[in-house]
Amino acid sequence: MRVQPVTLDGTHVRLEPVNRGHVDGLWHAGRFPELWRMRPFPVYSRDDMARQVDAALDAAAAGTLFMFVTVDRSSGRPIGSTSFLNIDLANRHLEIGGTWLAPAWQRTPANTEAKLLQLRHCFETLECVRVEFKTDARNTRSRAALARIGAVEEGTFRRHLILPDGYVRDSVYFSVVDREWPRVEARLTERLTASPDVEAPTDW
């Protein structure tokens, strides 16, 4: 298992390794405060986004985290981000996390296809035996979305993270393991096929 920067191409979105040239586009997509409520590393300014990109580049150089920019293929504009993190090479597993999408792109095929691209790369290229996800226990939308793709809820890490506002959050863990991947892939592919094509919003 060797994790390194890679571009993952889909029909609706392209996941490409972050670089400093993405900062303005990411800040435009992520300028909505509601995106960062309940997140351990909120982004409330362009400077915050620049610092997050710099930290991701440092982590990529160290081999500990690989941040993707989610790009809408029809417009070529960044619409969000997602990452590989908590990489355990010896045990062949990692986490997909740090995922967010601009509000105009939520509940479109973008996130479904991004998850399909990431999981396919994890299980078919990296040969992972496990991919995990975690989310704030209060984030019912995220928990429902993970259940819909076929991820298994494993349990709750109580009082797991202290957020910038001082709230001590419980984190709910989900996972997909290698023997479940064919079923999860079929479910994601079916959801993507059933989703209508979405034109790039012009006013977001």
N, C-alpha and C. Protein backbone atom coordinates (compact mmCIF):
# COMPACT_ATOMS: atom_id res chain seq x y z
N MET A 1 0.86 -1.18 0.00
CA MET A 1 0.00 0.00 0.00
C MET A 1 0.89 1.23 0.00
N ARG A 2 0.78 2.03 -1.05
CA ARG A 2 1.57 3.26 -1.18
C ARG A 2 0.63 4.40 -1.53
N VAL A 3 0.43 5.31 -0.60
CA VAL A 3 -0.48 6.43 -0.80
C VAL A 3 0.35 7.63 -1.26
N GLN A 4 -0.08 8.25 -2.35
CA GLN A 4 0.62 9.41 -2.89
C GLN A 4 -0.38 10.28 -3.64
N PRO A 5 -0.03 11.53 -3.95
CA PRO A 5 -0.97 12.39 -4.68
C PRO A 5 -1.40 11.76 -6.00
N VAL A 6 -2.69 11.85 -6.30
CA VAL A 6 -3.22 11.25 -7.51
C VAL A 6 -4.47 12.04 -7.91
N THR A 7 -4.75 12.11 -9.20
CA THR A 7 -5.98 12.73 -9.70
C THR A 7 -6.98 11.63 -10.03
N LEU A 8 -8.21 11.79 -9.55
CA LEU A 8 -9.27 10.81 -9.76
C LEU A 8 -10.36 11.48 -10.59
N ASP A 9 -10.60 10.95 -11.77
CA ASP A 9 -11.54 11.57 -12.71
C ASP A 9 -12.87 10.84 -12.74
N GLY A 10 -13.96 11.60 -12.65
CA GLY A 10 -15.29 11.06 -12.82
C GLY A 10 -16.03 11.80 -13.90
N THR A 11 -17.33 11.55 -14.00
CA THR A 11 -18.18 12.22 -14.98
C THR A 11 -18.55 13.62 -14.52
N HIS A 12 -18.88 13.75 -13.25
CA HIS A 12 -19.35 15.02 -12.70
C HIS A 12 -18.24 15.81 -12.04
N VAL A 13 -17.33 15.11 -11.35
CA VAL A 13 -16.28 15.79 -10.60
C VAL A 13 -14.92 15.18 -10.90
N ARG A 14 -13.91 15.97 -10.62
CA ARG A 14 -12.53 15.51 -10.65
C ARG A 14 -11.92 15.83 -9.29
N LEU A 15 -11.25 14.85 -8.71
CA LEU A 15 -10.53 15.07 -7.46
C LEU A 15 -9.07 15.23 -7.79
N GLU A 16 -8.52 16.40 -7.49
CA GLU A 16 -7.13 16.65 -7.83
C GLU A 16 -6.34 17.09 -6.60
N PRO A 17 -5.06 16.75 -6.52
CA PRO A 17 -4.26 17.12 -5.35
C PRO A 17 -4.24 18.64 -5.16
N VAL A 18 -4.40 19.06 -3.93
CA VAL A 18 -4.44 20.49 -3.63
C VAL A 18 -3.07 21.13 -3.90
N ASN A 19 -3.10 22.38 -4.33
CA ASN A 19 -1.88 23.18 -4.41
C ASN A 19 -2.24 24.63 -4.06
N ARG A 20 -1.24 25.48 -3.92
CA ARG A 20 -1.50 26.85 -3.50
C ARG A 20 -2.40 27.61 -4.47
N GLY A 21 -2.38 27.20 -5.73
CA GLY A 21 -3.24 27.86 -6.71
C GLY A 21 -4.72 27.64 -6.49
N HIS A 22 -5.07 26.71 -5.61
CA HIS A 22 -6.49 26.42 -5.34
C HIS A 22 -7.08 27.32 -4.25
N VAL A 23 -6.25 28.10 -3.56
CA VAL A 23 -6.74 28.79 -2.37
C VAL A 23 -7.94 29.68 -2.67
N ASP A 24 -7.87 30.52 -3.69
CA ASP A 24 -8.98 31.45 -3.97
C ASP A 24 -10.25 30.69 -4.33
N GLY A 25 -10.13 29.66 -5.17
CA GLY A 25 -11.30 28.89 -5.55
C GLY A 25 -11.92 28.16 -4.38
N LEU A 26 -11.09 27.60 -3.52
CA LEU A 26 -11.61 26.92 -2.34
C LEU A 26 -12.29 27.89 -1.38
N TRP A 27 -11.69 29.08 -1.22
CA TRP A 27 -12.32 30.05 -0.34
C TRP A 27 -13.66 30.52 -0.90
N HIS A 28 -13.76 30.70 -2.23
CA HIS A 28 -15.04 31.06 -2.82
C HIS A 28 -16.08 29.98 -2.53
N ALA A 29 -15.70 28.73 -2.71
CA ALA A 29 -16.63 27.62 -2.48
C ALA A 29 -16.97 27.46 -1.01
N GLY A 30 -16.01 27.77 -0.12
CA GLY A 30 -16.19 27.50 1.29
C GLY A 30 -16.48 28.71 2.14
N ARG A 31 -16.96 29.78 1.53
CA ARG A 31 -17.12 31.04 2.25
C ARG A 31 -18.39 31.09 3.11
N PHE A 32 -19.08 29.99 3.23
CA PHE A 32 -20.36 29.95 3.94
C PHE A 32 -20.14 29.46 5.37
N PRO A 33 -20.39 30.29 6.38
CA PRO A 33 -20.08 29.90 7.76
C PRO A 33 -20.75 28.60 8.21
N GLU A 34 -21.94 28.32 7.67
CA GLU A 34 -22.65 27.10 8.11
C GLU A 34 -21.90 25.82 7.76
N LEU A 35 -20.98 25.90 6.79
CA LEU A 35 -20.20 24.71 6.44
C LEU A 35 -19.29 24.27 7.57
N TRP A 36 -18.90 25.19 8.44
CA TRP A 36 -17.82 24.93 9.40
C TRP A 36 -18.30 24.74 10.82
N ARG A 37 -19.61 24.86 11.05
CA ARG A 37 -20.15 24.62 12.39
C ARG A 37 -19.92 23.15 12.76
N MET A 38 -19.50 22.74 13.81
CA MET A 38 -19.24 21.35 14.22
C MET A 38 -17.95 20.79 13.63
N ARG A 39 -17.10 21.60 13.05
CA ARG A 39 -15.85 21.09 12.48
C ARG A 39 -14.65 21.46 13.35
N PRO A 40 -13.69 20.54 13.48
CA PRO A 40 -12.54 20.84 14.34
C PRO A 40 -11.58 21.87 13.76
N PHE A 41 -11.62 22.07 12.43
CA PHE A 41 -10.71 23.03 11.80
C PHE A 41 -11.52 23.95 10.88
N PRO A 42 -12.25 24.90 11.47
CA PRO A 42 -13.10 25.78 10.67
C PRO A 42 -12.29 26.76 9.84
N VAL A 43 -12.93 27.21 8.75
CA VAL A 43 -12.31 28.15 7.82
C VAL A 43 -13.25 29.34 7.66
N TYR A 44 -12.87 30.48 8.23
CA TYR A 44 -13.74 31.64 8.21
C TYR A 44 -13.17 32.81 7.42
N SER A 45 -12.04 32.61 6.74
CA SER A 45 -11.43 33.68 5.94
C SER A 45 -10.53 33.05 4.89
N ARG A 46 -10.13 33.88 3.93
CA ARG A 46 -9.18 33.39 2.93
C ARG A 46 -7.87 32.99 3.59
N ASP A 47 -7.46 33.74 4.61
CA ASP A 47 -6.22 33.40 5.31
C ASP A 47 -6.32 32.04 5.98
N ASP A 48 -7.50 31.76 6.57
CA ASP A 48 -7.71 30.43 7.16
C ASP A 48 -7.56 29.35 6.11
N MET A 49 -8.13 29.59 4.92
CA MET A 49 -8.06 28.59 3.86
C MET A 49 -6.61 28.41 3.41
N ALA A 50 -5.88 29.51 3.29
CA ALA A 50 -4.47 29.42 2.89
C ALA A 50 -3.67 28.61 3.91
N ARG A 51 -3.96 28.84 5.20
CA ARG A 51 -3.25 28.08 6.23
C ARG A 51 -3.61 26.60 6.16
N GLN A 52 -4.87 26.30 5.87
CA GLN A 52 -5.27 24.90 5.76
C GLN A 52 -4.59 24.22 4.57
N VAL A 53 -4.50 24.91 3.45
CA VAL A 53 -3.82 24.36 2.28
C VAL A 53 -2.33 24.15 2.58
N ASP A 54 -1.70 25.13 3.23
CA ASP A 54 -0.28 24.98 3.57
C ASP A 54 -0.06 23.78 4.49
N ALA A 55 -0.95 23.62 5.47
CA ALA A 55 -0.83 22.48 6.40
C ALA A 55 -1.01 21.17 5.65
N ALA A 56 -1.94 21.14 4.69
CA ALA A 56 -2.16 19.92 3.91
C ALA A 56 -0.94 19.60 3.05
N LEU A 57 -0.32 20.61 2.48
CA LEU A 57 0.88 20.38 1.67
C LEU A 57 2.03 19.86 2.52
N ASP A 58 2.17 20.40 3.73
CA ASP A 58 3.20 19.88 4.64
C ASP A 58 2.92 18.43 5.01
N ALA A 59 1.65 18.12 5.28
CA ALA A 59 1.29 16.75 5.65
C ALA A 59 1.49 15.79 4.49
N ALA A 60 1.19 16.24 3.27
CA ALA A 60 1.42 15.40 2.10
C ALA A 60 2.90 15.09 1.93
N ALA A 61 3.73 16.08 2.16
CA ALA A 61 5.18 15.87 2.06
C ALA A 61 5.65 14.85 3.09
N ALA A 62 4.97 14.82 4.24
CA ALA A 62 5.32 13.86 5.29
C ALA A 62 4.63 12.52 5.10
N GLY A 63 3.69 12.46 4.14
CA GLY A 63 2.99 11.21 3.88
C GLY A 63 1.88 10.88 4.85
N THR A 64 1.37 11.90 5.56
CA THR A 64 0.37 11.63 6.60
C THR A 64 -1.05 12.04 6.21
N LEU A 65 -1.20 12.86 5.19
CA LEU A 65 -2.53 13.31 4.77
C LEU A 65 -2.43 13.76 3.31
N PHE A 66 -3.46 13.44 2.53
CA PHE A 66 -3.50 13.85 1.12
C PHE A 66 -4.86 14.50 0.86
N MET A 67 -4.82 15.80 0.63
CA MET A 67 -6.04 16.59 0.44
C MET A 67 -6.35 16.70 -1.05
N PHE A 68 -7.60 16.42 -1.40
CA PHE A 68 -8.10 16.58 -2.76
C PHE A 68 -8.97 17.83 -2.84
N VAL A 69 -8.89 18.51 -3.96
CA VAL A 69 -9.86 19.55 -4.30
C VAL A 69 -10.92 18.91 -5.19
N THR A 70 -12.18 19.07 -4.80
CA THR A 70 -13.29 18.55 -5.60
C THR A 70 -13.64 19.61 -6.64
N VAL A 71 -13.44 19.28 -7.91
CA VAL A 71 -13.62 20.23 -9.01
C VAL A 71 -14.82 19.82 -9.84
N ASP A 72 -15.73 20.76 -10.09
CA ASP A 72 -16.84 20.51 -11.00
C ASP A 72 -16.29 20.45 -12.42
N ARG A 73 -16.51 19.33 -13.10
CA ARG A 73 -15.90 19.15 -14.40
C ARG A 73 -16.47 20.08 -15.45
N SER A 74 -17.75 20.43 -15.35
CA SER A 74 -18.34 21.26 -16.40
C SER A 74 -17.83 22.70 -16.37
N SER A 75 -17.51 23.21 -15.18
CA SER A 75 -17.05 24.59 -15.07
C SER A 75 -15.56 24.70 -14.77
N GLY A 76 -14.96 23.61 -14.27
CA GLY A 76 -13.56 23.64 -13.87
C GLY A 76 -13.30 24.36 -12.56
N ARG A 77 -14.36 24.62 -11.79
CA ARG A 77 -14.21 25.39 -10.55
C ARG A 77 -14.21 24.47 -9.34
N PRO A 78 -13.40 24.78 -8.33
CA PRO A 78 -13.46 24.04 -7.07
C PRO A 78 -14.83 24.20 -6.41
N ILE A 79 -15.36 23.09 -5.89
CA ILE A 79 -16.65 23.14 -5.20
C ILE A 79 -16.54 22.54 -3.79
N GLY A 80 -15.36 22.07 -3.41
CA GLY A 80 -15.20 21.51 -2.08
C GLY A 80 -13.88 20.79 -1.96
N SER A 81 -13.80 19.96 -0.94
CA SER A 81 -12.56 19.25 -0.66
C SER A 81 -12.85 17.97 0.11
N THR A 82 -11.90 17.04 0.04
CA THR A 82 -11.95 15.79 0.80
C THR A 82 -10.52 15.28 0.91
N SER A 83 -10.27 14.40 1.87
CA SER A 83 -8.88 13.99 2.14
C SER A 83 -8.78 12.51 2.48
N PHE A 84 -7.59 11.97 2.24
CA PHE A 84 -7.15 10.72 2.85
C PHE A 84 -6.32 11.09 4.08
N LEU A 85 -6.65 10.55 5.22
CA LEU A 85 -5.90 10.85 6.43
C LEU A 85 -5.85 9.64 7.36
N ASN A 86 -5.18 9.79 8.49
CA ASN A 86 -5.01 8.67 9.43
C ASN A 86 -4.57 7.41 8.69
N ILE A 87 -3.53 7.57 7.91
CA ILE A 87 -3.05 6.49 7.03
C ILE A 87 -2.21 5.50 7.83
N ASP A 88 -2.60 4.23 7.78
CA ASP A 88 -1.89 3.16 8.48
C ASP A 88 -1.41 2.16 7.42
N LEU A 89 -0.18 2.34 6.96
CA LEU A 89 0.34 1.51 5.88
C LEU A 89 0.48 0.06 6.31
N ALA A 90 0.96 -0.17 7.52
CA ALA A 90 1.21 -1.54 7.96
C ALA A 90 -0.07 -2.36 7.99
N ASN A 91 -1.16 -1.73 8.38
CA ASN A 91 -2.44 -2.44 8.50
C ASN A 91 -3.39 -2.18 7.34
N ARG A 92 -2.90 -1.43 6.33
CA ARG A 92 -3.61 -1.19 5.08
C ARG A 92 -5.01 -0.61 5.29
N HIS A 93 -5.03 0.47 6.05
CA HIS A 93 -6.29 1.20 6.13
C HIS A 93 -6.04 2.68 6.28
N LEU A 94 -7.07 3.46 5.97
CA LEU A 94 -7.01 4.91 6.08
C LEU A 94 -8.41 5.45 6.31
N GLU A 95 -8.47 6.75 6.53
CA GLU A 95 -9.75 7.44 6.73
C GLU A 95 -10.01 8.37 5.57
N ILE A 96 -11.25 8.45 5.14
CA ILE A 96 -11.72 9.50 4.24
C ILE A 96 -12.41 10.53 5.11
N GLY A 97 -11.90 11.75 5.10
CA GLY A 97 -12.48 12.77 5.98
C GLY A 97 -12.15 14.17 5.51
N GLY A 98 -12.48 15.14 6.36
CA GLY A 98 -12.29 16.54 5.98
C GLY A 98 -13.11 16.91 4.77
N THR A 99 -14.25 16.25 4.59
CA THR A 99 -15.05 16.43 3.37
C THR A 99 -16.07 17.55 3.55
N TRP A 100 -16.11 18.44 2.58
CA TRP A 100 -17.14 19.48 2.55
C TRP A 100 -17.43 19.86 1.10
N LEU A 101 -18.63 20.36 0.87
CA LEU A 101 -19.06 20.83 -0.45
C LEU A 101 -19.79 22.15 -0.29
N ALA A 102 -19.62 23.05 -1.25
CA ALA A 102 -20.38 24.29 -1.27
C ALA A 102 -21.87 23.96 -1.20
N PRO A 103 -22.68 24.77 -0.50
CA PRO A 103 -24.10 24.45 -0.34
C PRO A 103 -24.84 24.17 -1.64
N ALA A 104 -24.50 24.89 -2.72
CA ALA A 104 -25.21 24.68 -3.99
C ALA A 104 -24.96 23.30 -4.56
N TRP A 105 -23.92 22.62 -4.10
CA TRP A 105 -23.56 21.31 -4.64
C TRP A 105 -23.93 20.16 -3.72
N GLN A 106 -24.49 20.48 -2.57
CA GLN A 106 -24.95 19.42 -1.70
C GLN A 106 -26.23 18.81 -2.26
N ARG A 107 -26.40 17.51 -2.05
CA ARG A 107 -27.56 16.76 -2.59
C ARG A 107 -27.57 16.77 -4.11
N THR A 108 -26.40 16.75 -4.69
CA THR A 108 -26.23 16.54 -6.13
C THR A 108 -25.35 15.30 -6.29
N PRO A 109 -25.09 14.85 -7.53
CA PRO A 109 -24.22 13.68 -7.70
C PRO A 109 -22.77 13.89 -7.26
N ALA A 110 -22.38 15.12 -6.92
CA ALA A 110 -20.97 15.42 -6.66
C ALA A 110 -20.39 14.58 -5.53
N ASN A 111 -21.05 14.54 -4.38
CA ASN A 111 -20.49 13.81 -3.25
C ASN A 111 -20.55 12.31 -3.48
N THR A 112 -21.63 11.83 -4.09
CA THR A 112 -21.73 10.39 -4.38
C THR A 112 -20.58 9.95 -5.27
N GLU A 113 -20.32 10.72 -6.34
CA GLU A 113 -19.25 10.32 -7.24
C GLU A 113 -17.88 10.46 -6.57
N ALA A 114 -17.68 11.50 -5.77
CA ALA A 114 -16.41 11.65 -5.07
C ALA A 114 -16.14 10.45 -4.17
N LYS A 115 -17.16 10.00 -3.42
CA LYS A 115 -16.98 8.84 -2.55
C LYS A 115 -16.69 7.59 -3.39
N LEU A 116 -17.36 7.44 -4.51
CA LEU A 116 -17.11 6.28 -5.38
C LEU A 116 -15.67 6.29 -5.88
N LEU A 117 -15.21 7.45 -6.33
CA LEU A 117 -13.84 7.55 -6.84
C LEU A 117 -12.83 7.24 -5.74
N GLN A 118 -13.04 7.79 -4.55
CA GLN A 118 -12.09 7.56 -3.46
C GLN A 118 -12.09 6.10 -3.01
N LEU A 119 -13.26 5.55 -2.81
CA LEU A 119 -13.32 4.17 -2.33
C LEU A 119 -12.78 3.20 -3.37
N ARG A 120 -13.08 3.45 -4.63
CA ARG A 120 -12.54 2.58 -5.69
C ARG A 120 -11.02 2.62 -5.68
N HIS A 121 -10.46 3.82 -5.53
CA HIS A 121 -9.00 3.92 -5.48
C HIS A 121 -8.45 3.18 -4.26
N CYS A 122 -9.13 3.35 -3.12
CA CYS A 122 -8.65 2.70 -1.90
C CYS A 122 -8.65 1.18 -2.03
N PHE A 123 -9.74 0.60 -2.50
CA PHE A 123 -9.86 -0.85 -2.50
C PHE A 123 -9.23 -1.51 -3.73
N GLU A 124 -9.26 -0.83 -4.87
CA GLU A 124 -8.80 -1.49 -6.10
C GLU A 124 -7.37 -1.11 -6.48
N THR A 125 -6.90 0.04 -6.07
CA THR A 125 -5.52 0.45 -6.37
C THR A 125 -4.61 0.29 -5.15
N LEU A 126 -5.03 0.85 -4.02
CA LEU A 126 -4.21 0.77 -2.82
C LEU A 126 -4.34 -0.57 -2.11
N GLU A 127 -5.40 -1.31 -2.44
CA GLU A 127 -5.68 -2.61 -1.82
C GLU A 127 -5.84 -2.48 -0.30
N CYS A 128 -6.59 -1.47 0.10
CA CYS A 128 -6.94 -1.32 1.52
C CYS A 128 -7.82 -2.48 1.97
N VAL A 129 -7.72 -2.80 3.25
CA VAL A 129 -8.65 -3.78 3.83
C VAL A 129 -9.75 -3.07 4.61
N ARG A 130 -9.57 -1.77 4.86
CA ARG A 130 -10.56 -1.02 5.64
C ARG A 130 -10.44 0.46 5.29
N VAL A 131 -11.58 1.11 5.15
CA VAL A 131 -11.65 2.57 5.01
C VAL A 131 -12.64 3.06 6.05
N GLU A 132 -12.24 4.06 6.83
CA GLU A 132 -13.11 4.52 7.89
C GLU A 132 -13.52 5.98 7.69
N PHE A 133 -14.59 6.33 8.38
CA PHE A 133 -15.13 7.69 8.38
C PHE A 133 -15.51 8.01 9.82
N LYS A 134 -15.45 9.28 10.18
CA LYS A 134 -15.99 9.68 11.48
C LYS A 134 -16.71 11.01 11.32
N THR A 135 -17.68 11.23 12.18
CA THR A 135 -18.45 12.46 12.11
C THR A 135 -18.94 12.83 13.49
N ASP A 136 -19.25 14.11 13.66
CA ASP A 136 -19.82 14.59 14.91
C ASP A 136 -21.15 13.86 15.15
N ALA A 137 -21.36 13.38 16.37
CA ALA A 137 -22.59 12.65 16.69
C ALA A 137 -23.83 13.49 16.44
N ARG A 138 -23.70 14.81 16.50
CA ARG A 138 -24.85 15.69 16.25
C ARG A 138 -25.18 15.84 14.77
N ASN A 139 -24.25 15.43 13.91
CA ASN A 139 -24.40 15.67 12.47
C ASN A 139 -25.24 14.55 11.85
N THR A 140 -26.54 14.67 12.02
CA THR A 140 -27.44 13.61 11.56
C THR A 140 -27.42 13.48 10.04
N ARG A 141 -27.19 14.57 9.32
CA ARG A 141 -27.14 14.50 7.85
C ARG A 141 -25.96 13.66 7.39
N SER A 142 -24.80 13.90 7.99
CA SER A 142 -23.61 13.14 7.62
C SER A 142 -23.77 11.67 7.99
N ARG A 143 -24.32 11.39 9.16
CA ARG A 143 -24.52 10.00 9.57
C ARG A 143 -25.47 9.28 8.63
N ALA A 144 -26.54 9.95 8.23
CA ALA A 144 -27.49 9.33 7.30
C ALA A 144 -26.85 9.09 5.94
N ALA A 145 -26.02 10.04 5.49
CA ALA A 145 -25.37 9.88 4.19
C ALA A 145 -24.41 8.70 4.19
N LEU A 146 -23.67 8.52 5.28
CA LEU A 146 -22.75 7.39 5.36
C LEU A 146 -23.51 6.06 5.40
N ALA A 147 -24.62 6.03 6.11
CA ALA A 147 -25.42 4.81 6.14
C ALA A 147 -25.99 4.50 4.76
N ARG A 148 -26.37 5.54 4.01
CA ARG A 148 -26.95 5.31 2.69
C ARG A 148 -25.96 4.67 1.72
N ILE A 149 -24.68 4.98 1.86
CA ILE A 149 -23.73 4.38 0.91
C ILE A 149 -23.35 2.96 1.32
N GLY A 150 -23.81 2.53 2.49
CA GLY A 150 -23.51 1.17 2.92
C GLY A 150 -22.41 1.06 3.94
N ALA A 151 -21.90 2.19 4.45
CA ALA A 151 -20.90 2.14 5.52
C ALA A 151 -21.57 1.64 6.80
N VAL A 152 -20.83 0.89 7.59
CA VAL A 152 -21.35 0.29 8.81
C VAL A 152 -20.98 1.16 10.01
N GLU A 153 -21.98 1.53 10.80
CA GLU A 153 -21.72 2.28 12.02
C GLU A 153 -21.11 1.35 13.06
N GLU A 154 -19.95 1.75 13.60
CA GLU A 154 -19.21 0.88 14.50
C GLU A 154 -19.32 1.27 15.96
N GLY A 155 -19.54 2.52 16.24
CA GLY A 155 -19.63 2.94 17.63
C GLY A 155 -19.26 4.40 17.79
N THR A 156 -19.27 4.85 19.04
CA THR A 156 -19.05 6.25 19.35
C THR A 156 -17.85 6.41 20.27
N PHE A 157 -16.93 7.28 19.87
CA PHE A 157 -15.85 7.71 20.75
C PHE A 157 -16.39 8.89 21.55
N ARG A 158 -16.66 8.68 22.83
CA ARG A 158 -17.28 9.71 23.64
C ARG A 158 -16.27 10.77 24.04
N ARG A 159 -16.73 12.05 24.01
CA ARG A 159 -15.90 13.20 24.38
C ARG A 159 -14.54 13.10 23.70
N HIS A 160 -14.60 13.00 22.39
CA HIS A 160 -13.43 12.65 21.58
C HIS A 160 -12.61 13.86 21.16
N LEU A 161 -13.26 14.96 20.78
CA LEU A 161 -12.55 16.13 20.26
C LEU A 161 -13.10 17.41 20.90
N ILE A 162 -12.19 18.32 21.22
CA ILE A 162 -12.60 19.63 21.71
C ILE A 162 -12.60 20.60 20.53
N LEU A 163 -13.76 21.13 20.19
CA LEU A 163 -13.89 22.02 19.04
C LEU A 163 -13.47 23.44 19.41
N PRO A 164 -13.22 24.27 18.39
CA PRO A 164 -12.75 25.64 18.68
C PRO A 164 -13.69 26.44 19.58
N ASP A 165 -14.99 26.13 19.56
CA ASP A 165 -15.92 26.86 20.43
C ASP A 165 -15.99 26.29 21.84
N GLY A 166 -15.15 25.28 22.13
CA GLY A 166 -15.10 24.69 23.45
C GLY A 166 -15.99 23.47 23.63
N TYR A 167 -16.86 23.19 22.67
CA TYR A 167 -17.74 22.03 22.77
C TYR A 167 -16.90 20.74 22.68
N VAL A 168 -17.18 19.78 23.54
CA VAL A 168 -16.49 18.50 23.51
C VAL A 168 -17.38 17.51 22.78
N ARG A 169 -16.97 17.13 21.62
CA ARG A 169 -17.84 16.35 20.76
C ARG A 169 -17.62 14.85 20.93
N ASP A 170 -18.71 14.10 20.71
CA ASP A 170 -18.64 12.67 20.52
C ASP A 170 -18.49 12.41 19.02
N SER A 171 -17.62 11.46 18.65
CA SER A 171 -17.40 11.13 17.24
C SER A 171 -17.95 9.74 16.95
N VAL A 172 -18.79 9.64 15.91
CA VAL A 172 -19.34 8.36 15.50
C VAL A 172 -18.50 7.82 14.36
N TYR A 173 -18.05 6.57 14.49
CA TYR A 173 -17.20 5.94 13.49
C TYR A 173 -18.02 5.01 12.60
N PHE A 174 -17.71 5.06 11.32
CA PHE A 174 -18.26 4.16 10.30
C PHE A 174 -17.09 3.55 9.54
N SER A 175 -17.34 2.44 8.87
CA SER A 175 -16.30 1.87 8.02
C SER A 175 -16.91 1.07 6.88
N VAL A 176 -16.08 0.89 5.85
CA VAL A 176 -16.31 -0.08 4.77
C VAL A 176 -15.07 -0.95 4.74
N VAL A 177 -15.25 -2.27 4.73
CA VAL A 177 -14.10 -3.19 4.66
C VAL A 177 -14.09 -3.87 3.30
N ASP A 178 -12.96 -4.48 2.98
CA ASP A 178 -12.73 -4.98 1.61
C ASP A 178 -13.81 -5.95 1.14
N ARG A 179 -14.27 -6.83 2.00
CA ARG A 179 -15.28 -7.80 1.55
C ARG A 179 -16.64 -7.16 1.28
N GLU A 180 -16.85 -5.94 1.79
CA GLU A 180 -18.10 -5.22 1.55
C GLU A 180 -18.05 -4.32 0.32
N TRP A 181 -16.85 -4.11 -0.22
CA TRP A 181 -16.69 -3.14 -1.29
C TRP A 181 -17.56 -3.44 -2.50
N PRO A 182 -17.67 -4.68 -3.01
CA PRO A 182 -18.53 -4.88 -4.18
C PRO A 182 -19.97 -4.43 -3.95
N ARG A 183 -20.51 -4.69 -2.78
CA ARG A 183 -21.87 -4.26 -2.48
C ARG A 183 -21.97 -2.74 -2.41
N VAL A 184 -20.99 -2.11 -1.76
CA VAL A 184 -21.00 -0.65 -1.64
C VAL A 184 -20.81 0.00 -3.01
N GLU A 185 -19.92 -0.55 -3.81
CA GLU A 185 -19.71 -0.01 -5.16
C GLU A 185 -20.99 -0.07 -5.97
N ALA A 186 -21.69 -1.19 -5.89
CA ALA A 186 -22.94 -1.34 -6.64
C ALA A 186 -23.97 -0.31 -6.17
N ARG A 187 -24.04 -0.08 -4.86
CA ARG A 187 -25.00 0.88 -4.32
C ARG A 187 -24.67 2.29 -4.77
N LEU A 188 -23.40 2.66 -4.70
CA LEU A 188 -23.01 4.00 -5.15
C LEU A 188 -23.24 4.18 -6.64
N THR A 189 -22.91 3.18 -7.43
CA THR A 189 -23.10 3.26 -8.88
C THR A 189 -24.58 3.40 -9.20
N GLU A 190 -25.41 2.65 -8.50
CA GLU A 190 -26.86 2.75 -8.72
C GLU A 190 -27.37 4.14 -8.37
N ARG A 191 -26.92 4.67 -7.25
CA ARG A 191 -27.35 6.02 -6.85
C ARG A 191 -26.89 7.06 -7.87
N LEU A 192 -25.69 6.90 -8.38
CA LEU A 192 -25.16 7.85 -9.35
C LEU A 192 -25.91 7.76 -10.67
N THR A 193 -26.23 6.56 -11.10
CA THR A 193 -26.98 6.37 -12.34
C THR A 193 -28.37 6.96 -12.24
N ALA A 194 -28.96 6.86 -11.06
CA ALA A 194 -30.32 7.37 -10.86
C ALA A 194 -30.37 8.88 -10.70
N SER A 195 -29.20 9.52 -10.45
CA SER A 195 -29.16 10.96 -10.22
C SER A 195 -29.19 11.70 -11.55
N PRO A 196 -29.99 12.75 -11.65
CA PRO A 196 -29.98 13.55 -12.88
C PRO A 196 -28.70 14.34 -13.01
N ASP A 197 -28.32 14.63 -14.24
CA ASP A 197 -27.18 15.53 -14.47
C ASP A 197 -27.54 16.92 -13.91
N VAL A 198 -26.58 17.57 -13.35
CA VAL A 198 -26.81 18.89 -12.74
C VAL A 198 -25.88 19.89 -13.41
N GLU A 199 -26.47 20.97 -13.93
CA GLU A 199 -25.64 22.02 -14.52
C GLU A 199 -25.00 22.85 -13.41
N ALA A 200 -23.83 23.37 -13.69
CA ALA A 200 -23.12 24.19 -12.72
C ALA A 200 -23.95 25.42 -12.38
N PRO A 201 -24.23 25.67 -11.08
CA PRO A 201 -24.93 26.90 -10.71
C PRO A 201 -24.14 28.12 -11.16
N THR A 202 -24.84 29.17 -11.50
CA THR A 202 -24.17 30.38 -11.97
C THR A 202 -24.14 31.46 -10.91
N ASP A 203 -24.83 31.25 -9.76
CA ASP A 203 -24.99 32.32 -8.78
C ASP A 203 -24.50 31.94 -7.39
N TRP A 204 -23.59 30.99 -7.32
CA TRP A 204 -23.14 30.58 -5.99
C TRP A 204 -21.81 31.23 -5.64
